[in-house]
Amino acid sequence: MKHTNWHGKRFYSFDSYIKQTFGKKLYKVSLDAGCTCPNRDGTKGIGGCTFCSAGGSGDFASSRTKSISEQIEDGIQLVSKKAETDQYIAYFQAFTSTYGPMKSLRAKFLEAIDHPKIAAISIGTRPDCLPEEMLDLLEQLNAIKPVFIELGLQTIHEDTARAFHRGYSLDVFEQAVFALSKRQISIIVHLILGLPGETKSQMLESVTYLNHLPIHGVKLSMLHVLEGTVLGEQYKAHPFPVFAPEEYVDFIIQCIEHLREDLVIHRITGDGPKHLLIAPLWSGNKRFVLNTIAHEMKIRDSYQGIHAQTRSDKHATGFKYSI
């Protein structure tokens, strides 16, 4: 094994990063800050991105009617049924979690970060929802405990982005990345593989593009077609190709091989709500997918970064949060 710090894996997983940084395994508790999204309320659009569910990707979060502390306790009870730990990551997952009244969001983020069982917070948002005042707040929070900002890029290709109604351009994303990086805030970028109309070559271009940015990590997932979404209705009316399991395993390994070694891979498959999943149905068996990827990488003697290319300038290298 070339990389003993990857805990026996052939890529730099989030689990390895957490164990290195905190000395133990941490689990996420999903929270809802009570936000909406500018792509839903009419500011940028109505209805959100075509693949987004009514829960705004926060289908696993507790009720937004509860306080943040109550939601954390709910999440801890849920996680404790599967694993024992005394520290957690507060994950503001639902909708756009930096889009709302600053006073309210400040109070909710502080409530989470001050919780004795919370070791770090992760906040899902859009790059067009990070005004200067919010950046200042995130920098203040990051001085207390580690903060991860998750940005839903999904693709670098503007035609695809317009087709699923993303509502912002690539230059807006880049401005947000460098504004966060300047403040030493860890950035995680979401990409969706298999968006309608994209070739594998285009998808790989989105993946390799990340090598040149000052980001901490990436979340990779195949496209999920869900009930109650515009994309779901489109799929029912005119089914479009989705990944077969063997095809996805082969392609995700290519993606991993093309990512630079210091990028933390937070996710290599999806985890959509099974009661909403239309396609691909095989993706609901997450353990099978992960085990198959690991087995195939071992057979191929494949590792993260073996085909990565990065620029030699100052933007080519990410950074790691140290405590």
Protein backbone atom coordinates (compact mmCIF):
# COMPACT_ATOMS: atom_id res chain seq x y z
CA MET A 1 0.00 0.00 0.00
CA LYS A 2 1.45 3.34 -1.04
CA HIS A 3 -0.46 5.58 1.34
CA THR A 4 -0.58 4.30 4.92
CA ASN A 5 -2.31 7.52 6.03
CA TRP A 6 -5.36 6.51 3.98
CA HIS A 7 -6.21 3.76 6.52
CA GLY A 8 -6.01 0.90 4.05
CA LYS A 9 -8.03 2.61 1.32
CA ARG A 10 -6.84 3.52 -2.13
CA PHE A 11 -8.10 7.07 -1.94
CA TYR A 12 -8.05 9.85 0.63
CA SER A 13 -11.46 9.39 2.23
CA PHE A 14 -13.21 11.77 4.58
CA ASP A 15 -13.04 9.04 7.21
CA SER A 16 -9.23 9.02 6.95
CA TYR A 17 -9.06 12.80 7.14
CA ILE A 18 -11.28 12.88 10.25
CA LYS A 19 -9.25 10.19 12.01
CA GLN A 20 -6.01 12.05 11.22
CA THR A 21 -7.40 15.41 12.33
CA PHE A 22 -9.49 14.47 15.37
CA GLY A 23 -7.87 11.17 16.33
CA LYS A 24 -11.16 9.26 16.09
CA LYS A 25 -14.18 8.66 13.90
CA LEU A 26 -16.90 11.33 13.82
CA TYR A 27 -20.44 11.04 12.49
CA LYS A 28 -22.62 13.73 10.94
CA VAL A 29 -25.96 14.82 12.33
CA SER A 30 -28.16 16.42 9.67
CA LEU A 31 -29.74 19.78 10.58
CA ASP A 32 -32.24 22.17 9.03
CA ALA A 33 -31.59 25.89 9.58
CA GLY A 34 -35.04 26.82 8.27
CA CYS A 35 -33.73 28.32 5.03
CA THR A 36 -35.12 28.23 1.53
CA CYS A 37 -33.22 28.83 -1.71
CA PRO A 38 -33.01 31.76 -4.15
CA ASN A 39 -33.69 29.21 -6.86
CA ARG A 40 -37.04 28.43 -5.24
CA ASP A 41 -38.39 31.69 -3.84
CA GLY A 42 -38.30 33.61 -7.13
CA THR A 43 -35.04 35.50 -6.56
CA LYS A 44 -33.23 33.32 -9.11
CA GLY A 45 -35.96 30.89 -10.07
CA ILE A 46 -38.99 28.85 -8.99
CA GLY A 47 -38.95 25.18 -8.08
CA GLY A 48 -35.19 24.80 -7.59
CA CYS A 49 -32.79 22.66 -9.59
CA THR A 50 -34.67 20.03 -11.58
CA PHE A 51 -33.13 17.13 -9.59
CA CYS A 52 -33.74 18.65 -6.14
CA SER A 53 -36.39 17.08 -3.90
CA ALA A 54 -39.00 18.94 -1.88
CA GLY A 55 -36.71 18.57 1.15
CA GLY A 56 -33.93 20.53 -0.55
CA SER A 57 -31.43 17.67 -0.13
CA GLY A 58 -32.17 17.70 3.59
CA ASP A 59 -34.41 14.62 3.57
CA PHE A 60 -32.48 13.09 6.48
CA ALA A 61 -32.62 16.16 8.71
CA SER A 62 -34.74 16.60 11.82
CA SER A 63 -37.73 18.96 11.85
CA ARG A 64 -36.96 22.64 11.27
CA THR A 65 -39.59 23.47 13.90
CA LYS A 66 -37.17 22.26 16.58
CA SER A 67 -34.23 24.24 17.95
CA ILE A 68 -30.74 23.43 16.68
CA SER A 69 -29.88 21.80 20.02
CA GLU A 70 -33.00 19.62 19.81
CA GLN A 71 -32.15 18.65 16.25
CA ILE A 72 -28.63 17.73 17.32
CA GLU A 73 -29.97 15.50 20.08
CA ASP A 74 -32.37 13.85 17.60
CA GLY A 75 -29.47 13.22 15.24
CA ILE A 76 -27.28 11.81 18.00
CA GLN A 77 -30.01 9.37 19.02
CA LEU A 78 -30.36 8.24 15.41
CA VAL A 79 -26.61 7.80 14.87
CA SER A 80 -26.07 6.09 18.23
CA LYS A 81 -28.25 3.20 17.05
CA LYS A 82 -25.55 2.39 14.49
CA ALA A 83 -22.31 3.54 16.14
CA GLU A 84 -20.86 4.79 19.38
CA THR A 85 -19.01 8.10 19.51
CA ASP A 86 -18.99 11.15 21.74
CA GLN A 87 -18.29 13.79 19.08
CA TYR A 88 -20.20 14.74 15.93
CA ILE A 89 -20.24 17.04 12.93
CA ALA A 90 -23.22 19.39 12.71
CA TYR A 91 -24.31 19.22 9.06
CA PHE A 92 -26.57 22.04 7.88
CA GLN A 93 -27.78 20.11 4.87
CA ALA A 94 -31.25 21.32 3.91
CA PHE A 95 -31.72 23.88 1.12
CA THR A 96 -29.27 26.84 1.04
CA SER A 97 -28.06 27.19 4.61
CA THR A 98 -26.47 30.63 4.29
CA TYR A 99 -29.58 32.13 2.68
CA GLY A 100 -31.64 33.89 5.32
CA PRO A 101 -31.61 36.63 7.97
CA MET A 102 -28.07 37.04 9.30
CA LYS A 103 -29.18 37.44 12.91
CA SER A 104 -31.08 34.15 12.83
CA LEU A 105 -28.36 32.22 11.01
CA ARG A 106 -25.65 33.58 13.30
CA ALA A 107 -27.60 32.36 16.34
CA LYS A 108 -28.18 28.91 14.84
CA PHE A 109 -24.59 28.39 13.73
CA LEU A 110 -23.30 29.52 17.14
CA GLU A 111 -25.77 27.24 18.90
CA ALA A 112 -24.38 24.32 16.91
CA ILE A 113 -20.70 25.17 17.27
CA ASP A 114 -21.06 25.79 21.03
CA HIS A 115 -22.67 22.39 21.59
CA PRO A 116 -20.24 20.25 23.65
CA LYS A 117 -20.70 17.21 21.43
CA ILE A 118 -20.09 19.06 18.17
CA ALA A 119 -16.47 18.98 16.94
CA ALA A 120 -17.02 20.77 13.61
CA ILE A 121 -19.78 22.13 11.41
CA SER A 122 -20.45 21.61 7.72
CA ILE A 123 -22.74 24.02 5.85
CA GLY A 124 -24.30 23.30 2.48
CA THR A 125 -24.92 26.37 0.35
CA ARG A 126 -24.72 28.04 -3.06
CA PRO A 127 -21.75 30.16 -4.17
CA ASP A 128 -24.13 33.06 -4.91
CA CYS A 129 -25.28 33.13 -1.27
CA LEU A 130 -22.05 34.15 0.45
CA PRO A 131 -22.16 37.94 1.01
CA GLU A 132 -19.30 39.63 2.84
CA GLU A 133 -21.18 39.62 6.14
CA MET A 134 -21.67 35.85 5.89
CA LEU A 135 -18.01 35.33 4.99
CA ASP A 136 -17.06 37.32 8.11
CA LEU A 137 -19.32 35.10 10.23
CA LEU A 138 -17.89 31.90 8.76
CA GLU A 139 -14.36 33.12 9.46
CA GLN A 140 -15.34 33.82 13.09
CA LEU A 141 -16.89 30.37 13.45
CA ASN A 142 -13.85 28.75 11.86
CA ALA A 143 -11.68 30.28 14.60
CA ILE A 144 -13.76 28.40 17.19
CA LYS A 145 -14.08 24.98 15.53
CA PRO A 146 -13.44 23.70 11.99
CA VAL A 147 -15.98 24.84 9.40
CA PHE A 148 -16.57 23.11 6.07
CA ILE A 149 -18.51 24.90 3.34
CA GLU A 150 -20.14 22.62 0.78
CA LEU A 151 -20.80 24.18 -2.62
CA GLY A 152 -23.11 22.49 -5.12
CA LEU A 153 -21.33 23.02 -8.42
CA GLN A 154 -22.50 19.73 -10.03
CA THR A 155 -20.86 20.53 -13.42
CA ILE A 156 -18.56 23.09 -15.03
CA HIS A 157 -20.53 23.01 -18.27
CA GLU A 158 -22.86 25.99 -18.63
CA ASP A 159 -25.29 24.30 -21.06
CA THR A 160 -25.89 21.49 -18.57
CA ALA A 161 -26.23 23.96 -15.70
CA ARG A 162 -28.87 25.92 -17.60
CA ALA A 163 -30.74 22.72 -18.40
CA PHE A 164 -31.16 21.83 -14.70
CA HIS A 165 -31.73 25.50 -13.73
CA ARG A 166 -28.69 25.99 -11.50
CA GLY A 167 -29.06 29.75 -11.64
CA TYR A 168 -25.43 30.93 -11.45
CA SER A 169 -22.40 30.88 -13.74
CA LEU A 170 -19.02 29.24 -13.23
CA ASP A 171 -17.29 32.57 -12.54
CA VAL A 172 -19.63 33.11 -9.56
CA PHE A 173 -18.52 29.74 -8.20
CA GLU A 174 -14.85 30.61 -8.65
CA GLN A 175 -15.25 33.97 -6.89
CA ALA A 176 -16.82 32.19 -3.91
CA VAL A 177 -14.05 29.59 -3.79
CA PHE A 178 -11.28 32.16 -3.67
CA ALA A 179 -13.16 34.34 -1.15
CA LEU A 180 -13.51 31.35 1.18
CA SER A 181 -9.96 30.16 0.59
CA LYS A 182 -8.61 33.61 1.41
CA ARG A 183 -10.23 33.22 4.83
CA GLN A 184 -8.79 29.71 5.28
CA ILE A 185 -12.21 28.04 5.24
CA SER A 186 -12.28 24.46 3.97
CA ILE A 187 -14.33 24.01 0.79
CA ILE A 188 -16.05 20.85 -0.40
CA VAL A 189 -17.40 20.80 -3.95
CA HIS A 190 -20.35 18.64 -5.03
CA LEU A 191 -20.35 17.09 -8.50
CA ILE A 192 -23.11 14.97 -10.05
CA LEU A 193 -22.04 12.35 -12.57
CA GLY A 194 -24.59 11.37 -15.21
CA LEU A 195 -26.49 14.62 -15.70
CA PRO A 196 -28.68 14.33 -18.82
CA GLY A 197 -26.83 15.07 -22.03
CA GLU A 198 -23.31 15.02 -20.59
CA THR A 199 -20.67 12.69 -21.97
CA LYS A 200 -18.17 10.93 -19.74
CA SER A 201 -15.49 13.17 -21.20
CA GLN A 202 -17.42 16.24 -20.03
CA MET A 203 -17.94 14.75 -16.58
CA LEU A 204 -14.22 14.03 -16.28
CA GLU A 205 -13.50 17.64 -17.27
CA SER A 206 -15.55 18.78 -14.26
CA VAL A 207 -13.58 16.42 -12.03
CA THR A 208 -10.12 17.45 -13.25
CA TYR A 209 -11.07 21.14 -13.10
CA LEU A 210 -11.12 20.81 -9.31
CA ASN A 211 -7.41 19.95 -9.24
CA HIS A 212 -6.60 23.59 -9.97
CA LEU A 213 -8.63 25.10 -7.15
CA PRO A 214 -7.68 25.78 -3.49
CA ILE A 215 -10.30 23.40 -2.12
CA HIS A 216 -10.30 20.78 0.62
CA GLY A 217 -12.37 18.05 -0.95
CA VAL A 218 -15.06 16.78 -3.25
CA LYS A 219 -18.31 14.85 -3.10
CA LEU A 220 -19.00 12.66 -6.13
CA SER A 221 -22.36 11.06 -6.81
CA MET A 222 -24.24 9.52 -9.68
CA LEU A 223 -27.43 11.30 -10.66
CA HIS A 224 -30.48 10.26 -8.64
CA VAL A 225 -33.88 10.61 -10.27
CA LEU A 226 -36.38 11.25 -7.47
CA GLU A 227 -40.14 11.35 -7.14
CA GLY A 228 -41.59 14.84 -6.78
CA THR A 229 -38.90 16.51 -8.89
CA VAL A 230 -39.02 18.10 -12.34
CA LEU A 231 -36.34 15.65 -13.43
CA GLY A 232 -38.44 12.77 -12.17
CA GLU A 233 -41.37 13.85 -14.34
CA GLN A 234 -39.06 14.29 -17.33
CA TYR A 235 -37.66 10.80 -16.80
CA LYS A 236 -41.13 9.24 -16.62
CA ALA A 237 -42.20 10.97 -19.83
CA HIS A 238 -38.97 10.41 -21.75
CA PRO A 239 -36.53 8.05 -19.97
CA PHE A 240 -32.90 9.05 -20.45
CA PRO A 241 -29.83 6.87 -19.83
CA VAL A 242 -28.60 6.44 -16.24
CA PHE A 243 -25.51 4.60 -15.05
CA ALA A 244 -25.53 0.82 -14.86
CA PRO A 245 -23.63 -0.44 -11.77
CA GLU A 246 -20.62 -1.80 -13.68
CA GLU A 247 -20.43 1.36 -15.75
CA TYR A 248 -20.52 3.61 -12.70
CA VAL A 249 -17.85 1.60 -10.86
CA ASP A 250 -15.55 1.82 -13.87
CA PHE A 251 -16.10 5.55 -14.32
CA ILE A 252 -15.85 6.56 -10.66
CA ILE A 253 -12.48 4.82 -10.50
CA GLN A 254 -11.35 6.91 -13.47
CA CYS A 255 -12.48 10.02 -11.62
CA ILE A 256 -10.62 9.03 -8.46
CA GLU A 257 -7.45 8.34 -10.45
CA HIS A 258 -7.62 11.84 -11.96
CA LEU A 259 -8.04 13.70 -8.66
CA ARG A 260 -4.91 15.08 -6.99
CA GLU A 261 -3.77 13.15 -3.91
CA ASP A 262 -4.39 15.83 -1.27
CA LEU A 263 -8.07 16.28 -2.15
CA VAL A 264 -10.27 14.58 0.44
CA ILE A 265 -12.97 12.49 -1.24
CA HIS A 266 -16.00 12.90 1.00
CA ARG A 267 -18.31 10.74 -1.10
CA ILE A 268 -18.06 8.38 -4.09
CA THR A 269 -21.68 7.33 -4.34
CA GLY A 270 -25.10 8.72 -3.56
CA ASP A 271 -27.49 8.08 -0.71
CA GLY A 272 -30.89 9.30 -1.88
CA PRO A 273 -34.11 8.53 0.03
CA LYS A 274 -35.16 5.04 -1.06
CA HIS A 275 -38.87 5.86 -0.91
CA LEU A 276 -38.32 8.63 -3.49
CA LEU A 277 -35.79 6.88 -5.73
CA ILE A 278 -36.95 6.25 -9.32
CA ALA A 279 -33.57 5.50 -10.90
CA PRO A 280 -31.02 4.03 -10.77
CA LEU A 281 -32.57 1.61 -8.27
CA TRP A 282 -29.30 -0.27 -7.74
CA SER A 283 -27.80 2.86 -6.12
CA GLY A 284 -29.99 2.24 -3.07
CA ASN A 285 -27.62 -0.55 -2.01
CA LYS A 286 -24.83 1.78 -0.91
CA ARG A 287 -22.74 -0.88 0.83
CA PHE A 288 -22.69 -3.04 -2.31
CA VAL A 289 -21.58 -0.08 -4.43
CA LEU A 290 -18.78 0.92 -2.03
CA ASN A 291 -17.53 -2.65 -1.65
CA THR A 292 -17.54 -3.17 -5.41
CA ILE A 293 -15.53 0.01 -5.99
CA ALA A 294 -12.97 -0.99 -3.33
CA HIS A 295 -12.66 -4.50 -4.77
CA GLU A 296 -12.23 -3.27 -8.33
CA MET A 297 -9.60 -0.69 -7.32
CA LYS A 298 -7.63 -3.45 -5.62
CA ILE A 299 -7.82 -5.68 -8.69
CA ARG A 300 -6.63 -2.84 -10.92
CA ASP A 301 -3.99 -1.70 -8.40
CA SER A 302 -5.63 1.71 -8.73
CA TYR A 303 -5.00 4.74 -6.51
CA GLN A 304 -6.20 8.29 -6.24
CA GLY A 305 -4.07 10.69 -8.23
CA ILE A 306 -2.19 8.27 -10.47
CA HIS A 307 -3.43 10.16 -13.53
CA ALA A 308 -3.83 13.60 -11.95
CA GLN A 309 -2.46 16.70 -13.56
CA THR A 310 -2.27 20.01 -11.71
CA ARG A 311 -0.84 23.39 -12.49
CA SER A 312 2.30 24.40 -10.62
CA ASP A 313 0.91 27.80 -9.62
CA LYS A 314 -0.35 28.84 -6.20
CA HIS A 315 -3.93 27.72 -6.94
CA ALA A 316 -2.97 24.10 -7.56
CA THR A 317 -2.52 23.10 -3.93
CA GLY A 318 -5.25 22.83 -1.33
CA PHE A 319 -4.81 23.15 2.41
CA LYS A 320 -5.78 21.10 5.43
CA TYR A 321 -7.30 22.42 8.61
CA SER A 322 -5.09 21.76 11.63
CA ILE A 323 -6.11 21.83 15.28
